[in-house]
Amino acid sequence: MAKALKHDMVIEEISFIKTEEDIDGAKSKKIKELSDQKISVVFTSMNAVEAVGKIVSGTEWKIFCIGNTTKKLVEKYFGEKNITGTADNASLLAEKIISPSAIKKIVFFCGDQRREELPQKLKENKIEVEEIEVYKTLETPQQLSKEYDAVLFFSPSAVKSFFSKNKIRSATKLFAIGDTTAKEINNFTDQSIIIADKPGKENLIDLAIKHFSKSHIL
């Protein structure tokens, strides 16, 4: 946020969702058992990495993950050497997993509102997907009391929560952290959306700063 202030831009963080770890005794036991196996796993969110990373470490997993923040957390909990492939979104990550034909099964650590793109594409390519839900997402909608020049969305769940209580005026610029989030925004408005070309909170903020600097709307 300090970077935005240098450009005379004020960014207010308002939470429209919250996440909670959802690992009971049975799931914890299962994850610990898997930690001793040489398997391929996939993470598409930082929440899943943190939930699993608190239970196990030092695995011999082959890990596929989304880049940026999620990748950094995988490195923190499991080590960079365990990362087999990364991509900017779930669909591209599925293609990375499909490429090595030796992979017949993958464990997908996810949340209760995970998207269909990755597991569907893997199953279509004869790769078995074992899903283990390790966190849940809860919507915390609230009605905004003022208008903003722009709204930055960081997840499809936040989009749904936001639009359940709010409408966007035509002058408001919309930013999305990726294609999946942008598609969710399209369910609520036909306004144009500015999409970050790389995942990560900082990348989206940089994009907003660049846009408004060029537009002289600061």
Protein backbone atom coordinates (compact mmCIF):
# COMPACT_ATOMS: atom_id res chain seq x y z
CA MET A 1 0.00 0.00 0.00
CA ALA A 2 2.96 2.32 0.58
CA LYS A 3 3.75 2.10 -3.13
CA ALA A 4 0.26 3.38 -3.96
CA LEU A 5 0.63 6.33 -1.57
CA LYS A 6 3.76 7.42 -3.42
CA HIS A 7 1.53 7.86 -6.45
CA ASP A 8 -1.11 9.77 -4.47
CA MET A 9 -3.39 6.75 -4.56
CA VAL A 10 -5.23 5.50 -1.46
CA ILE A 11 -6.15 1.83 -1.36
CA GLU A 12 -8.63 0.61 1.25
CA GLU A 13 -8.65 -3.11 2.07
CA ILE A 14 -12.16 -4.42 2.71
CA SER A 15 -12.64 -8.13 3.28
CA PHE A 16 -15.60 -9.79 1.61
CA ILE A 17 -14.57 -13.37 2.43
CA LYS A 18 -12.73 -15.25 5.14
CA THR A 19 -11.14 -18.69 5.13
CA GLU A 20 -11.03 -21.32 7.83
CA GLU A 21 -8.92 -24.46 7.94
CA ASP A 22 -11.07 -27.55 7.69
CA ILE A 23 -8.91 -30.48 8.77
CA ASP A 24 -10.31 -33.00 11.23
CA GLY A 25 -8.50 -35.96 12.76
CA ALA A 26 -9.16 -38.24 9.80
CA LYS A 27 -7.88 -35.71 7.26
CA SER A 28 -4.81 -34.99 9.36
CA LYS A 29 -4.01 -38.70 9.54
CA LYS A 30 -4.51 -39.06 5.79
CA ILE A 31 -2.18 -36.14 5.02
CA LYS A 32 0.51 -37.54 7.34
CA GLU A 33 0.24 -40.91 5.62
CA LEU A 34 0.62 -39.24 2.23
CA SER A 35 3.71 -37.37 3.41
CA ASP A 36 5.62 -40.67 3.42
CA GLN A 37 4.67 -41.43 -0.18
CA LYS A 38 6.31 -40.29 -3.41
CA ILE A 39 3.25 -38.73 -5.00
CA SER A 40 2.34 -35.80 -7.20
CA VAL A 41 0.28 -33.06 -5.54
CA VAL A 42 -1.18 -29.75 -6.64
CA PHE A 43 -1.88 -26.47 -4.84
CA THR A 44 -3.84 -23.63 -6.43
CA SER A 45 -4.17 -21.46 -3.32
CA MET A 46 -1.99 -20.20 -0.50
CA ASN A 47 -4.65 -21.23 2.02
CA ALA A 48 -4.27 -24.89 1.05
CA VAL A 49 -0.48 -24.70 1.29
CA GLU A 50 -0.61 -23.20 4.77
CA ALA A 51 -3.16 -25.75 6.01
CA VAL A 52 -1.14 -28.73 4.79
CA GLY A 53 2.24 -27.19 5.63
CA LYS A 54 1.29 -26.98 9.31
CA ILE A 55 0.86 -30.74 9.40
CA VAL A 56 3.73 -32.12 7.31
CA SER A 57 7.16 -31.11 6.04
CA GLY A 58 10.15 -32.74 4.43
CA THR A 59 8.09 -34.74 1.94
CA GLU A 60 9.27 -36.23 -1.35
CA TRP A 61 6.24 -34.91 -3.17
CA LYS A 62 6.37 -33.66 -6.73
CA ILE A 63 4.49 -30.39 -6.34
CA PHE A 64 2.64 -28.41 -8.99
CA CYS A 65 1.41 -24.98 -7.94
CA ILE A 66 0.22 -21.56 -9.01
CA GLY A 67 3.02 -19.00 -9.16
CA ASN A 68 3.78 -15.99 -7.00
CA THR A 69 2.43 -16.10 -3.40
CA THR A 70 1.35 -19.73 -3.51
CA LYS A 71 4.71 -20.76 -4.96
CA LYS A 72 6.57 -18.81 -2.27
CA LEU A 73 4.63 -20.61 0.45
CA VAL A 74 5.35 -23.99 -1.15
CA GLU A 75 9.04 -23.11 -1.06
CA LYS A 76 8.71 -22.08 2.60
CA TYR A 77 6.98 -25.26 3.76
CA PHE A 78 8.28 -27.90 1.35
CA GLY A 79 11.40 -26.49 -0.32
CA GLU A 80 12.01 -25.20 -3.83
CA LYS A 81 13.46 -28.54 -4.97
CA ASN A 82 10.05 -30.18 -4.53
CA ILE A 83 8.40 -27.90 -7.09
CA THR A 84 7.98 -29.75 -10.38
CA GLY A 85 5.89 -27.20 -12.26
CA THR A 86 4.22 -23.81 -11.93
CA ALA A 87 1.79 -21.73 -14.00
CA ASP A 88 -0.12 -18.48 -13.77
CA ASN A 89 -3.56 -20.12 -13.55
CA ALA A 90 -5.24 -23.47 -12.88
CA SER A 91 -5.91 -24.27 -16.53
CA LEU A 92 -2.29 -23.76 -17.56
CA LEU A 93 -1.15 -25.68 -14.49
CA ALA A 94 -3.28 -28.65 -15.58
CA GLU A 95 -1.43 -28.62 -18.92
CA LYS A 96 1.89 -28.76 -17.07
CA ILE A 97 0.67 -31.83 -15.17
CA ILE A 98 -0.64 -33.50 -18.32
CA SER A 99 2.62 -33.08 -20.26
CA PRO A 100 4.64 -35.73 -18.35
CA SER A 101 2.64 -38.79 -19.38
CA ALA A 102 4.06 -40.74 -16.43
CA ILE A 103 1.64 -39.01 -14.02
CA LYS A 104 -1.42 -41.20 -13.57
CA LYS A 105 -2.74 -39.77 -10.30
CA ILE A 106 -2.50 -36.49 -8.45
CA VAL A 107 -3.64 -35.32 -5.02
CA PHE A 108 -5.37 -31.94 -5.13
CA PHE A 109 -5.35 -30.02 -1.83
CA CYS A 110 -8.12 -27.48 -2.20
CA GLY A 111 -10.94 -25.52 -0.60
CA ASP A 112 -14.66 -26.19 -0.62
CA GLN A 113 -15.20 -23.70 -3.44
CA ARG A 114 -12.45 -24.83 -5.76
CA ARG A 115 -12.93 -24.24 -9.49
CA GLU A 116 -13.61 -27.02 -12.01
CA GLU A 117 -10.97 -26.16 -14.62
CA LEU A 118 -8.04 -28.12 -13.22
CA PRO A 119 -9.67 -31.38 -12.03
CA GLN A 120 -11.89 -31.53 -15.11
CA LYS A 121 -9.00 -31.14 -17.53
CA LEU A 122 -6.93 -33.75 -15.68
CA LYS A 123 -9.76 -36.28 -15.65
CA GLU A 124 -10.35 -35.72 -19.36
CA ASN A 125 -6.72 -36.76 -19.86
CA LYS A 126 -7.09 -39.96 -17.83
CA ILE A 127 -5.34 -38.62 -14.73
CA GLU A 128 -6.99 -39.67 -11.49
CA VAL A 129 -7.62 -36.78 -9.10
CA GLU A 130 -7.95 -37.32 -5.35
CA GLU A 131 -9.34 -34.16 -3.82
CA ILE A 132 -8.74 -33.34 -0.16
CA GLU A 133 -10.54 -30.23 1.09
CA VAL A 134 -8.35 -28.55 3.70
CA TYR A 135 -10.08 -25.18 4.08
CA LYS A 136 -13.43 -23.53 3.50
CA THR A 137 -14.34 -20.09 2.25
CA LEU A 138 -17.05 -18.07 3.95
CA GLU A 139 -18.60 -15.00 2.40
CA THR A 140 -18.69 -11.86 4.56
CA PRO A 141 -20.68 -9.42 2.40
CA GLN A 142 -21.12 -5.79 3.38
CA GLN A 143 -22.59 -2.76 1.68
CA LEU A 144 -20.16 0.00 0.79
CA SER A 145 -21.03 3.45 2.06
CA LYS A 146 -19.02 5.40 -0.51
CA GLU A 147 -17.99 5.25 -4.14
CA TYR A 148 -14.54 4.33 -5.44
CA ASP A 149 -12.64 5.08 -8.64
CA ALA A 150 -11.71 1.39 -8.86
CA VAL A 151 -12.34 -1.97 -7.26
CA LEU A 152 -9.68 -4.69 -7.26
CA PHE A 153 -10.87 -8.28 -7.00
CA PHE A 154 -8.58 -11.07 -5.83
CA SER A 155 -10.85 -14.14 -5.99
CA PRO A 156 -14.12 -15.38 -7.52
CA SER A 157 -15.56 -15.87 -4.02
CA ALA A 158 -14.89 -12.23 -3.15
CA VAL A 159 -16.61 -11.19 -6.37
CA LYS A 160 -19.80 -13.07 -5.49
CA SER A 161 -19.78 -11.71 -1.95
CA PHE A 162 -19.19 -8.13 -3.16
CA PHE A 163 -22.00 -8.10 -5.73
CA SER A 164 -24.48 -9.67 -3.31
CA LYS A 165 -24.63 -6.27 -1.56
CA ASN A 166 -23.23 -3.77 -4.06
CA LYS A 167 -23.57 -2.42 -7.58
CA ILE A 168 -20.87 -0.84 -9.69
CA ARG A 169 -21.30 2.59 -11.27
CA SER A 170 -20.24 2.89 -14.90
CA ALA A 171 -17.25 5.13 -14.09
CA THR A 172 -15.68 2.63 -11.70
CA LYS A 173 -12.73 0.69 -13.10
CA LEU A 174 -12.66 -3.03 -12.41
CA PHE A 175 -9.46 -5.03 -11.92
CA ALA A 176 -9.15 -8.83 -11.63
CA ILE A 177 -6.22 -10.89 -10.41
CA GLY A 178 -6.76 -13.44 -13.19
CA ASP A 179 -9.05 -14.85 -15.86
CA THR A 180 -11.11 -16.96 -13.45
CA THR A 181 -11.90 -13.96 -11.27
CA ALA A 182 -12.67 -11.88 -14.35
CA LYS A 183 -15.15 -14.50 -15.58
CA GLU A 184 -16.96 -14.31 -12.24
CA ILE A 185 -17.17 -10.51 -12.53
CA ASN A 186 -18.74 -10.95 -15.97
CA ASN A 187 -21.62 -12.76 -14.29
CA PHE A 188 -22.61 -9.49 -12.62
CA THR A 189 -21.66 -6.72 -15.04
CA ASP A 190 -20.81 -6.19 -18.69
CA GLN A 191 -18.26 -3.48 -17.92
CA SER A 192 -14.74 -3.96 -19.20
CA ILE A 193 -12.26 -5.59 -16.81
CA ILE A 194 -8.54 -5.00 -16.53
CA ILE A 195 -6.84 -8.34 -15.87
CA ALA A 196 -3.38 -8.87 -14.40
CA ASP A 197 -1.08 -10.87 -16.67
CA LYS A 198 0.58 -12.53 -13.68
CA PRO A 199 -0.91 -13.77 -10.38
CA GLY A 200 -0.21 -11.96 -7.12
CA LYS A 201 -1.61 -9.11 -5.07
CA GLU A 202 1.33 -6.81 -5.75
CA ASN A 203 1.05 -7.34 -9.50
CA LEU A 204 -2.58 -6.25 -9.49
CA ILE A 205 -1.83 -3.18 -7.39
CA ASP A 206 1.02 -2.25 -9.75
CA LEU A 207 -1.39 -2.59 -12.66
CA ALA A 208 -3.88 -0.24 -11.01
CA ILE A 209 -1.14 2.32 -10.26
CA LYS A 210 0.07 2.16 -13.85
CA HIS A 211 -3.45 2.56 -15.20
CA PHE A 212 -4.36 5.60 -13.13
CA SER A 213 -0.96 7.21 -13.63
CA LYS A 214 -1.53 7.04 -17.39
CA SER A 215 -5.13 8.18 -17.04
CA HIS A 216 -4.18 11.13 -14.80
CA ILE A 217 -7.09 10.34 -12.48
CA LEU A 218 -4.99 10.54 -9.32
